[in-house]
């Protein structure tokens, strides 16, 4: 009887050991690359900047806006190369605040002092309201910002604003870019 118990305990320990090793391999840095997914889901808005070919001159701020769907949420959590701010904000995916809505995360960097208001951000025909911002106020870069400041936040828009394959404007204030909603 003692030998059977020892045998089952040893087998169970080996199973745990092999399962741990398998999980560790699954999460090795570089194994998951979210870059391709980000490319289709990210757009950059340059606030008050002038484009000269591939360069932007005189911009007040840059705003990265990233659409988060299930594919990107899974990839970001497994890709160790993704920046920490993005990982923190992607955690809102599937939360109560995202029901019936599309989640976006954003990162802003100012180059000149400016007043940043969530109401100036739009996706499609929808302008954000303060209640659309899900992240805590300590990360939200709203209000008067000086040059060289950075911040990030998560927000939602009605899912009806996104039609797969359609190009929609995404922007801040009077500045926008056309972004194609992934299929």
N, C-alpha and C. Protein backbone atom coordinates (compact mmCIF):
# COMPACT_ATOMS: atom_id res chain seq x y z
N UNK A 1 0.82 -1.19 0.00
CA UNK A 1 0.00 0.00 0.00
C UNK A 1 0.87 1.26 0.00
N UNK A 2 1.95 1.24 0.84
CA UNK A 2 2.85 2.38 0.90
C UNK A 2 3.52 2.61 -0.45
N UNK A 3 3.90 1.53 -1.12
CA UNK A 3 4.56 1.65 -2.42
C UNK A 3 3.64 2.26 -3.47
N UNK A 4 2.34 1.90 -3.42
CA UNK A 4 1.39 2.47 -4.38
C UNK A 4 1.24 3.97 -4.15
N UNK A 5 1.15 4.39 -2.91
CA UNK A 5 1.01 5.81 -2.59
C UNK A 5 2.26 6.56 -3.05
N UNK A 6 3.44 5.98 -2.76
CA UNK A 6 4.69 6.61 -3.18
C UNK A 6 4.75 6.71 -4.70
N UNK A 7 4.34 5.63 -5.38
CA UNK A 7 4.36 5.60 -6.84
C UNK A 7 3.46 6.70 -7.41
N UNK A 8 2.23 6.84 -6.91
CA UNK A 8 1.30 7.85 -7.40
C UNK A 8 1.80 9.27 -7.08
N UNK A 9 2.41 9.44 -5.92
CA UNK A 9 2.96 10.74 -5.56
C UNK A 9 4.12 11.10 -6.49
N UNK A 10 4.97 10.14 -6.81
CA UNK A 10 6.10 10.39 -7.70
C UNK A 10 5.61 10.73 -9.11
N UNK A 11 4.61 9.99 -9.60
CA UNK A 11 4.04 10.27 -10.92
C UNK A 11 3.41 11.66 -10.95
N UNK A 12 2.69 12.00 -9.91
CA UNK A 12 2.07 13.33 -9.84
C UNK A 12 3.13 14.42 -9.84
N UNK A 13 4.21 14.23 -9.10
CA UNK A 13 5.29 15.21 -9.05
C UNK A 13 5.94 15.37 -10.43
N UNK A 14 6.15 14.27 -11.12
CA UNK A 14 6.72 14.33 -12.47
C UNK A 14 5.79 15.06 -13.43
N UNK A 15 4.49 14.81 -13.31
CA UNK A 15 3.52 15.50 -14.17
C UNK A 15 3.57 17.00 -13.94
N UNK A 16 3.63 17.41 -12.69
CA UNK A 16 3.72 18.84 -12.37
C UNK A 16 5.01 19.42 -12.93
N UNK A 17 6.11 18.68 -12.79
CA UNK A 17 7.39 19.14 -13.30
C UNK A 17 7.36 19.32 -14.82
N UNK A 18 6.83 18.33 -15.53
CA UNK A 18 6.75 18.43 -16.99
C UNK A 18 5.78 19.53 -17.43
N UNK A 19 4.67 19.68 -16.73
CA UNK A 19 3.72 20.74 -17.06
C UNK A 19 4.35 22.10 -16.85
N UNK A 20 5.11 22.26 -15.78
CA UNK A 20 5.79 23.54 -15.52
C UNK A 20 6.80 23.84 -16.61
N UNK A 21 7.54 22.83 -17.02
CA UNK A 21 8.54 23.02 -18.09
C UNK A 21 7.85 23.39 -19.40
N UNK A 22 6.72 22.77 -19.69
CA UNK A 22 5.99 23.08 -20.92
C UNK A 22 5.48 24.51 -20.89
N UNK A 23 4.96 24.94 -19.75
CA UNK A 23 4.47 26.32 -19.63
C UNK A 23 5.61 27.31 -19.75
N UNK A 24 6.75 26.98 -19.16
CA UNK A 24 7.90 27.88 -19.23
C UNK A 24 8.33 28.06 -20.68
N UNK A 25 8.33 27.01 -21.46
CA UNK A 25 8.69 27.13 -22.88
C UNK A 25 7.67 27.98 -23.61
N UNK A 26 6.42 27.88 -23.21
CA UNK A 26 5.37 28.62 -23.88
C UNK A 26 5.53 30.14 -23.69
N UNK A 27 6.20 30.57 -22.64
CA UNK A 27 6.30 31.98 -22.31
C UNK A 27 7.71 32.53 -22.47
N UNK A 28 8.55 31.88 -23.24
CA UNK A 28 9.90 32.38 -23.43
C UNK A 28 9.88 33.68 -24.22
N UNK A 29 10.76 34.64 -23.85
CA UNK A 29 10.81 35.91 -24.59
C UNK A 29 11.04 35.68 -26.07
N UNK A 30 10.32 36.43 -26.88
CA UNK A 30 10.50 36.35 -28.32
C UNK A 30 9.70 35.26 -29.01
N UNK A 31 9.09 34.36 -28.25
CA UNK A 31 8.33 33.28 -28.88
C UNK A 31 7.06 33.81 -29.51
N UNK A 32 6.42 34.79 -28.88
CA UNK A 32 5.21 35.40 -29.42
C UNK A 32 5.58 36.80 -29.89
N UNK A 33 5.20 37.14 -31.11
CA UNK A 33 5.51 38.44 -31.67
C UNK A 33 4.21 39.16 -32.02
N UNK A 34 3.88 40.17 -31.24
CA UNK A 34 2.65 40.91 -31.45
C UNK A 34 2.81 42.04 -32.47
N UNK A 35 4.01 42.22 -33.00
CA UNK A 35 4.30 43.33 -33.89
C UNK A 35 3.40 43.35 -35.13
N UNK A 36 3.20 42.21 -35.75
CA UNK A 36 2.36 42.15 -36.95
C UNK A 36 0.92 42.55 -36.62
N UNK A 37 0.42 42.05 -35.50
CA UNK A 37 -0.94 42.41 -35.08
C UNK A 37 -1.03 43.90 -34.76
N UNK A 38 -0.01 44.43 -34.11
CA UNK A 38 -0.01 45.85 -33.78
C UNK A 38 -0.03 46.70 -35.05
N UNK A 39 0.69 46.28 -36.06
CA UNK A 39 0.75 47.04 -37.30
C UNK A 39 -0.62 47.32 -37.91
N UNK A 40 -1.52 46.35 -37.82
CA UNK A 40 -2.86 46.52 -38.39
C UNK A 40 -3.82 47.22 -37.42
N UNK A 41 -3.46 47.30 -36.15
CA UNK A 41 -4.38 47.82 -35.15
C UNK A 41 -3.96 49.17 -34.57
N UNK A 42 -2.80 49.66 -34.97
CA UNK A 42 -2.29 50.92 -34.43
C UNK A 42 -2.31 52.01 -35.48
N UNK A 43 -2.63 53.20 -35.02
CA UNK A 43 -2.50 54.36 -35.87
C UNK A 43 -1.87 55.47 -35.05
N UNK A 44 -1.12 56.33 -35.71
CA UNK A 44 -0.43 57.44 -35.04
C UNK A 44 -1.02 58.76 -35.53
N UNK A 45 -1.39 59.59 -34.57
CA UNK A 45 -1.94 60.90 -34.87
C UNK A 45 -0.94 61.94 -34.38
N UNK A 46 -0.57 62.85 -35.26
CA UNK A 46 0.35 63.92 -34.92
C UNK A 46 -0.49 65.19 -34.76
N UNK A 47 -0.55 65.71 -33.54
CA UNK A 47 -1.39 66.87 -33.24
C UNK A 47 -0.67 68.13 -33.71
N UNK A 48 -1.31 68.86 -34.62
CA UNK A 48 -0.82 70.12 -35.19
C UNK A 48 0.53 69.99 -35.89
N UNK A 49 0.81 68.84 -36.44
CA UNK A 49 2.08 68.66 -37.15
C UNK A 49 1.89 68.78 -38.65
N UNK A 50 2.96 69.15 -39.33
CA UNK A 50 2.94 69.22 -40.79
C UNK A 50 3.78 68.09 -41.35
N UNK A 51 3.21 67.37 -42.30
CA UNK A 51 3.93 66.25 -42.92
C UNK A 51 4.78 66.75 -44.08
N UNK A 52 6.02 66.27 -44.09
CA UNK A 52 6.94 66.47 -45.21
C UNK A 52 7.47 65.09 -45.56
N UNK A 53 6.79 64.39 -46.45
CA UNK A 53 7.16 63.02 -46.78
C UNK A 53 6.94 62.11 -45.58
N UNK A 54 8.00 61.48 -45.12
CA UNK A 54 7.91 60.59 -43.96
C UNK A 54 8.13 61.31 -42.64
N UNK A 55 8.43 62.60 -42.70
CA UNK A 55 8.70 63.37 -41.48
C UNK A 55 7.49 64.20 -41.09
N UNK A 56 7.40 64.49 -39.78
CA UNK A 56 6.37 65.39 -39.26
C UNK A 56 7.10 66.50 -38.51
N UNK A 57 6.79 67.75 -38.85
CA UNK A 57 7.48 68.89 -38.26
C UNK A 57 6.49 69.76 -37.49
N UNK A 58 6.93 70.25 -36.33
CA UNK A 58 6.14 71.21 -35.56
C UNK A 58 4.98 70.61 -34.79
N UNK A 59 4.99 69.32 -34.57
CA UNK A 59 3.87 68.68 -33.88
C UNK A 59 3.84 69.05 -32.40
N UNK A 60 2.63 69.27 -31.90
CA UNK A 60 2.43 69.55 -30.48
C UNK A 60 2.51 68.27 -29.66
N UNK A 61 2.07 67.16 -30.26
CA UNK A 61 2.09 65.86 -29.55
C UNK A 61 1.93 64.73 -30.55
N UNK A 62 2.35 63.55 -30.12
CA UNK A 62 2.04 62.35 -30.90
C UNK A 62 1.14 61.47 -30.04
N UNK A 63 0.19 60.87 -30.69
CA UNK A 63 -0.79 60.04 -30.01
C UNK A 63 -0.88 58.71 -30.74
N UNK A 64 -0.46 57.62 -30.06
CA UNK A 64 -0.61 56.28 -30.61
C UNK A 64 -1.94 55.75 -30.12
N UNK A 65 -2.77 55.31 -31.03
CA UNK A 65 -4.06 54.74 -30.67
C UNK A 65 -4.10 53.32 -31.20
N UNK A 66 -4.37 52.37 -30.31
CA UNK A 66 -4.31 50.95 -30.65
C UNK A 66 -5.64 50.27 -30.34
N UNK A 67 -6.20 49.62 -31.33
CA UNK A 67 -7.43 48.84 -31.17
C UNK A 67 -7.06 47.48 -30.57
N UNK A 68 -7.77 47.09 -29.51
CA UNK A 68 -7.48 45.82 -28.84
C UNK A 68 -8.63 44.85 -29.08
N UNK A 69 -8.34 43.76 -29.77
CA UNK A 69 -9.30 42.67 -29.94
C UNK A 69 -8.74 41.44 -29.25
N UNK A 70 -9.43 40.31 -29.36
CA UNK A 70 -8.99 39.10 -28.64
C UNK A 70 -7.62 38.63 -29.11
N UNK A 71 -7.33 38.72 -30.41
CA UNK A 71 -6.04 38.29 -30.93
C UNK A 71 -4.90 39.12 -30.33
N UNK A 72 -5.07 40.44 -30.34
CA UNK A 72 -4.02 41.30 -29.81
C UNK A 72 -3.88 41.14 -28.30
N UNK A 73 -5.00 41.01 -27.60
CA UNK A 73 -4.94 40.85 -26.15
C UNK A 73 -4.14 39.62 -25.76
N UNK A 74 -4.35 38.51 -26.47
CA UNK A 74 -3.60 37.28 -26.19
C UNK A 74 -2.13 37.45 -26.55
N UNK A 75 -1.84 38.07 -27.67
CA UNK A 75 -0.45 38.23 -28.11
C UNK A 75 0.33 39.17 -27.19
N UNK A 76 -0.30 40.27 -26.78
CA UNK A 76 0.40 41.23 -25.93
C UNK A 76 0.75 40.62 -24.58
N UNK A 77 -0.14 39.82 -24.03
CA UNK A 77 0.15 39.22 -22.73
C UNK A 77 1.27 38.18 -22.82
N UNK A 78 1.51 37.62 -24.00
CA UNK A 78 2.55 36.60 -24.17
C UNK A 78 3.84 37.14 -24.77
N UNK A 79 3.86 38.37 -25.25
CA UNK A 79 5.03 38.93 -25.90
C UNK A 79 5.79 39.80 -24.90
N UNK A 80 6.95 39.33 -24.49
CA UNK A 80 7.73 40.04 -23.48
C UNK A 80 8.36 41.33 -24.01
N UNK A 81 8.35 41.54 -25.32
CA UNK A 81 8.95 42.73 -25.89
C UNK A 81 7.99 43.93 -25.89
N UNK A 82 6.72 43.70 -25.62
CA UNK A 82 5.74 44.78 -25.61
C UNK A 82 5.95 45.66 -24.38
N UNK A 83 5.81 46.96 -24.57
CA UNK A 83 6.04 47.91 -23.48
C UNK A 83 5.04 47.70 -22.34
N UNK A 84 5.50 47.99 -21.13
CA UNK A 84 4.68 47.76 -19.93
C UNK A 84 3.37 48.54 -19.95
N UNK A 85 3.39 49.77 -20.47
CA UNK A 85 2.15 50.56 -20.45
C UNK A 85 1.07 49.85 -21.27
N UNK A 86 1.46 49.25 -22.39
CA UNK A 86 0.49 48.56 -23.24
C UNK A 86 -0.05 47.32 -22.53
N UNK A 87 0.83 46.58 -21.87
CA UNK A 87 0.37 45.39 -21.14
C UNK A 87 -0.61 45.76 -20.04
N UNK A 88 -0.35 46.86 -19.35
CA UNK A 88 -1.26 47.31 -18.27
C UNK A 88 -2.63 47.68 -18.83
N UNK A 89 -2.64 48.35 -19.95
CA UNK A 89 -3.91 48.83 -20.51
C UNK A 89 -4.69 47.71 -21.20
N UNK A 90 -4.00 46.75 -21.80
CA UNK A 90 -4.67 45.64 -22.47
C UNK A 90 -5.45 44.78 -21.48
N UNK A 91 -5.08 44.84 -20.22
CA UNK A 91 -5.77 44.06 -19.20
C UNK A 91 -7.24 44.43 -19.07
N UNK A 92 -7.64 45.57 -19.62
CA UNK A 92 -9.06 45.95 -19.59
C UNK A 92 -9.90 45.13 -20.57
N UNK A 93 -9.23 44.44 -21.50
CA UNK A 93 -9.97 43.66 -22.48
C UNK A 93 -10.82 42.61 -21.76
N UNK A 94 -12.10 42.55 -22.08
CA UNK A 94 -13.02 41.59 -21.47
C UNK A 94 -13.59 42.03 -20.14
N UNK A 95 -13.25 43.22 -19.68
CA UNK A 95 -13.78 43.71 -18.40
C UNK A 95 -15.22 44.18 -18.60
N UNK A 96 -15.90 44.42 -17.50
CA UNK A 96 -17.30 44.86 -17.56
C UNK A 96 -17.47 46.13 -18.39
N UNK A 97 -16.48 47.03 -18.31
CA UNK A 97 -16.57 48.30 -19.04
C UNK A 97 -16.49 48.17 -20.54
N UNK A 98 -16.10 46.99 -21.04
CA UNK A 98 -15.95 46.81 -22.49
C UNK A 98 -17.12 46.07 -23.12
N UNK A 99 -18.10 45.69 -22.34
CA UNK A 99 -19.25 44.94 -22.90
C UNK A 99 -19.99 45.78 -23.94
N UNK A 100 -20.10 45.23 -25.15
CA UNK A 100 -20.79 45.92 -26.23
C UNK A 100 -19.99 47.08 -26.80
N UNK A 101 -18.73 47.17 -26.41
CA UNK A 101 -17.89 48.28 -26.85
C UNK A 101 -16.57 47.75 -27.36
N UNK A 102 -15.85 48.59 -28.07
CA UNK A 102 -14.52 48.26 -28.58
C UNK A 102 -13.50 48.96 -27.70
N UNK A 103 -12.46 48.20 -27.31
CA UNK A 103 -11.41 48.74 -26.45
C UNK A 103 -10.27 49.29 -27.29
N UNK A 104 -9.79 50.45 -26.89
CA UNK A 104 -8.61 51.07 -27.46
C UNK A 104 -7.68 51.45 -26.32
N UNK A 105 -6.40 51.43 -26.60
CA UNK A 105 -5.43 51.95 -25.65
C UNK A 105 -4.66 53.04 -26.36
N UNK A 106 -4.18 54.02 -25.60
CA UNK A 106 -3.51 55.15 -26.23
C UNK A 106 -2.31 55.57 -25.40
N UNK A 107 -1.32 56.10 -26.09
CA UNK A 107 -0.12 56.64 -25.47
C UNK A 107 0.11 58.01 -26.09
N UNK A 108 0.33 59.00 -25.25
CA UNK A 108 0.57 60.36 -25.75
C UNK A 108 1.91 60.86 -25.24
N UNK A 109 2.59 61.57 -26.12
CA UNK A 109 3.83 62.26 -25.75
C UNK A 109 3.72 63.68 -26.28
N UNK A 110 3.91 64.65 -25.40
CA UNK A 110 3.82 66.05 -25.82
C UNK A 110 5.20 66.59 -26.18
N UNK A 111 5.22 67.46 -27.17
CA UNK A 111 6.46 68.11 -27.59
C UNK A 111 6.41 69.60 -27.28
N UNK A 112 5.20 70.10 -27.08
CA UNK A 112 4.95 71.50 -26.70
C UNK A 112 3.84 71.46 -25.65
N UNK A 113 3.77 72.47 -24.78
CA UNK A 113 2.67 72.48 -23.79
C UNK A 113 1.32 72.46 -24.49
N UNK A 114 0.38 71.74 -23.91
CA UNK A 114 -0.96 71.68 -24.49
C UNK A 114 -1.97 71.20 -23.46
N UNK A 115 -3.21 71.53 -23.68
CA UNK A 115 -4.33 71.06 -22.87
C UNK A 115 -4.85 69.79 -23.54
N UNK A 116 -4.88 68.69 -22.80
CA UNK A 116 -5.34 67.41 -23.35
C UNK A 116 -6.69 67.08 -22.72
N UNK A 117 -7.70 66.88 -23.56
CA UNK A 117 -9.05 66.57 -23.10
C UNK A 117 -9.55 65.32 -23.82
N UNK A 118 -10.13 64.37 -23.09
CA UNK A 118 -10.61 63.15 -23.75
C UNK A 118 -11.68 63.44 -24.79
N UNK A 119 -12.44 64.50 -24.62
CA UNK A 119 -13.51 64.83 -25.57
C UNK A 119 -12.98 65.17 -26.95
N UNK A 120 -11.69 65.48 -27.07
CA UNK A 120 -11.10 65.80 -28.37
C UNK A 120 -10.69 64.57 -29.16
N UNK A 121 -10.73 63.40 -28.52
CA UNK A 121 -10.35 62.16 -29.18
C UNK A 121 -11.59 61.57 -29.85
N UNK A 122 -11.43 61.09 -31.08
CA UNK A 122 -12.56 60.48 -31.76
C UNK A 122 -12.14 59.26 -32.56
N UNK A 123 -13.06 58.32 -32.67
CA UNK A 123 -12.89 57.11 -33.48
C UNK A 123 -14.15 57.00 -34.31
N UNK A 124 -13.98 57.02 -35.63
CA UNK A 124 -15.16 57.06 -36.50
C UNK A 124 -15.88 58.38 -36.25
N UNK A 125 -17.16 58.30 -36.04
CA UNK A 125 -17.94 59.50 -35.76
C UNK A 125 -18.17 59.73 -34.28
N UNK A 126 -17.50 58.97 -33.44
CA UNK A 126 -17.74 59.03 -32.00
C UNK A 126 -16.64 59.79 -31.26
N UNK A 127 -17.03 60.84 -30.54
CA UNK A 127 -16.11 61.59 -29.68
C UNK A 127 -16.23 61.06 -28.27
N UNK A 128 -15.09 60.83 -27.63
CA UNK A 128 -15.09 60.28 -26.27
C UNK A 128 -15.78 61.20 -25.28
N UNK A 129 -16.35 60.58 -24.27
CA UNK A 129 -16.84 61.28 -23.08
C UNK A 129 -15.95 60.82 -21.94
N UNK A 130 -15.90 61.56 -20.85
CA UNK A 130 -15.04 61.18 -19.72
C UNK A 130 -15.35 59.77 -19.24
N UNK A 131 -16.60 59.35 -19.30
CA UNK A 131 -17.00 58.02 -18.85
C UNK A 131 -16.49 56.89 -19.72
N UNK A 132 -15.98 57.21 -20.90
CA UNK A 132 -15.44 56.19 -21.80
C UNK A 132 -14.00 55.79 -21.43
N UNK A 133 -13.37 56.56 -20.59
CA UNK A 133 -12.00 56.27 -20.16
C UNK A 133 -12.06 55.28 -19.01
N UNK A 134 -11.40 54.12 -19.17
CA UNK A 134 -11.46 53.05 -18.18
C UNK A 134 -10.29 53.08 -17.19
N UNK A 135 -9.17 53.61 -17.59
CA UNK A 135 -7.96 53.55 -16.76
C UNK A 135 -8.03 54.56 -15.61
N UNK A 136 -7.23 54.31 -14.56
CA UNK A 136 -7.26 55.19 -13.39
C UNK A 136 -6.63 56.55 -13.69
N UNK A 137 -7.06 57.55 -12.96
CA UNK A 137 -6.62 58.92 -13.21
C UNK A 137 -5.10 59.10 -13.09
N UNK A 138 -4.42 58.22 -12.33
CA UNK A 138 -2.97 58.40 -12.17
C UNK A 138 -2.20 58.15 -13.47
N UNK A 139 -2.77 57.44 -14.42
CA UNK A 139 -2.08 57.22 -15.70
C UNK A 139 -2.64 58.11 -16.80
N UNK A 140 -3.80 58.69 -16.58
CA UNK A 140 -4.46 59.48 -17.61
C UNK A 140 -3.77 60.83 -17.79
N UNK A 141 -3.35 61.15 -18.99
CA UNK A 141 -2.63 62.40 -19.25
C UNK A 141 -3.58 63.53 -19.63
N UNK A 142 -4.57 63.80 -18.83
CA UNK A 142 -5.54 64.83 -19.18
C UNK A 142 -5.29 66.09 -18.37
N UNK A 143 -5.64 67.21 -18.98
CA UNK A 143 -5.39 68.50 -18.35
C UNK A 143 -4.23 69.19 -19.04
N UNK A 144 -3.66 70.17 -18.36
CA UNK A 144 -2.55 70.94 -18.91
C UNK A 144 -1.26 70.13 -18.79
N UNK A 145 -0.63 69.85 -19.93
CA UNK A 145 0.63 69.11 -19.94
C UNK A 145 1.74 69.99 -20.49
N UNK A 146 2.91 69.85 -19.91
CA UNK A 146 4.08 70.56 -20.41
C UNK A 146 4.72 69.77 -21.54
N UNK A 147 5.75 70.32 -22.13
CA UNK A 147 6.43 69.58 -23.20
C UNK A 147 7.25 68.45 -22.58
N UNK A 148 7.34 67.36 -23.32
CA UNK A 148 8.10 66.19 -22.87
C UNK A 148 7.35 65.29 -21.90
N UNK A 149 6.07 65.49 -21.71
CA UNK A 149 5.31 64.63 -20.81
C UNK A 149 4.70 63.46 -21.59
N UNK A 150 4.53 62.34 -20.87
CA UNK A 150 3.97 61.13 -21.47
C UNK A 150 2.87 60.60 -20.57
N UNK A 151 1.93 59.91 -21.18
CA UNK A 151 0.87 59.26 -20.43
C UNK A 151 0.17 58.24 -21.30
N UNK A 152 -0.64 57.43 -20.66
CA UNK A 152 -1.36 56.39 -21.38
C UNK A 152 -2.70 56.15 -20.71
N UNK A 153 -3.62 55.59 -21.51
CA UNK A 153 -4.96 55.34 -20.98
C UNK A 153 -5.68 54.34 -21.87
N UNK A 154 -6.74 53.77 -21.30
CA UNK A 154 -7.60 52.83 -22.03
C UNK A 154 -8.97 53.47 -22.15
N UNK A 155 -9.60 53.30 -23.31
CA UNK A 155 -10.93 53.86 -23.51
C UNK A 155 -11.76 52.95 -24.40
N UNK A 156 -13.06 53.17 -24.36
CA UNK A 156 -13.97 52.38 -25.19
C UNK A 156 -14.80 53.30 -26.07
N UNK A 157 -15.23 52.73 -27.18
CA UNK A 157 -16.18 53.39 -28.08
C UNK A 157 -17.25 52.35 -28.41
N UNK A 158 -18.43 52.77 -28.81
CA UNK A 158 -19.45 51.79 -29.19
C UNK A 158 -18.93 50.88 -30.31
N UNK A 159 -19.16 49.60 -30.17
CA UNK A 159 -18.69 48.63 -31.18
C UNK A 159 -19.29 48.94 -32.55
N UNK A 160 -20.43 49.60 -32.58
CA UNK A 160 -21.08 49.92 -33.85
C UNK A 160 -20.25 50.89 -34.70
N UNK A 161 -19.27 51.57 -34.12
CA UNK A 161 -18.40 52.47 -34.87
C UNK A 161 -17.39 51.72 -35.75
N UNK A 162 -17.21 50.43 -35.45
CA UNK A 162 -16.20 49.64 -36.17
C UNK A 162 -16.87 48.63 -37.08
N UNK A 163 -16.63 48.75 -38.35
CA UNK A 163 -17.08 47.79 -39.35
C UNK A 163 -15.85 47.20 -40.00
N UNK A 164 -15.68 45.90 -39.88
CA UNK A 164 -14.48 45.22 -40.39
C UNK A 164 -14.21 45.60 -41.85
N UNK A 165 -12.96 45.98 -42.12
CA UNK A 165 -12.54 46.32 -43.46
C UNK A 165 -12.82 47.76 -43.88
N UNK A 166 -13.56 48.52 -43.08
CA UNK A 166 -13.90 49.89 -43.44
C UNK A 166 -12.84 50.86 -42.93
N UNK A 167 -12.55 51.89 -43.70
CA UNK A 167 -11.64 52.94 -43.26
C UNK A 167 -12.43 54.00 -42.51
N UNK A 168 -11.95 54.35 -41.31
CA UNK A 168 -12.62 55.35 -40.49
C UNK A 168 -11.60 56.36 -39.99
N UNK A 169 -12.03 57.61 -39.73
CA UNK A 169 -11.09 58.58 -39.18
C UNK A 169 -10.87 58.33 -37.69
N UNK A 170 -9.64 58.48 -37.27
CA UNK A 170 -9.25 58.40 -35.86
C UNK A 170 -8.39 59.62 -35.61
N UNK A 171 -8.67 60.34 -34.52
CA UNK A 171 -7.87 61.54 -34.33
C UNK A 171 -8.08 62.27 -33.03
N UNK A 172 -7.49 63.46 -33.02
CA UNK A 172 -7.56 64.35 -31.88
C UNK A 172 -7.79 65.76 -32.39
N UNK A 173 -8.85 66.40 -31.92
CA UNK A 173 -9.16 67.76 -32.36
C UNK A 173 -9.40 67.83 -33.85
N UNK A 174 -8.63 68.67 -34.53
CA UNK A 174 -8.77 68.83 -35.98
C UNK A 174 -7.85 67.89 -36.77
N UNK A 175 -7.07 67.10 -36.07
CA UNK A 175 -6.09 66.23 -36.73
C UNK A 175 -6.56 64.79 -36.72
N UNK A 176 -6.50 64.15 -37.88
CA UNK A 176 -6.95 62.76 -37.95
C UNK A 176 -6.20 62.01 -39.04
N UNK A 177 -6.31 60.70 -38.96
CA UNK A 177 -5.78 59.81 -39.99
C UNK A 177 -6.87 58.80 -40.30
N UNK A 178 -6.81 58.22 -41.49
CA UNK A 178 -7.74 57.15 -41.82
C UNK A 178 -7.12 55.83 -41.36
N UNK A 179 -7.91 55.05 -40.70
CA UNK A 179 -7.46 53.76 -40.18
C UNK A 179 -8.44 52.68 -40.67
N UNK A 180 -7.88 51.57 -41.16
CA UNK A 180 -8.72 50.48 -41.66
C UNK A 180 -8.96 49.48 -40.54
N UNK A 181 -10.22 49.25 -40.22
CA UNK A 181 -10.60 48.33 -39.15
C UNK A 181 -10.23 46.90 -39.60
N UNK A 182 -9.45 46.18 -38.76
CA UNK A 182 -9.05 44.82 -39.14
C UNK A 182 -10.26 43.90 -39.33
N UNK A 183 -10.09 42.92 -40.23
CA UNK A 183 -11.16 41.96 -40.48
C UNK A 183 -11.10 40.85 -39.48
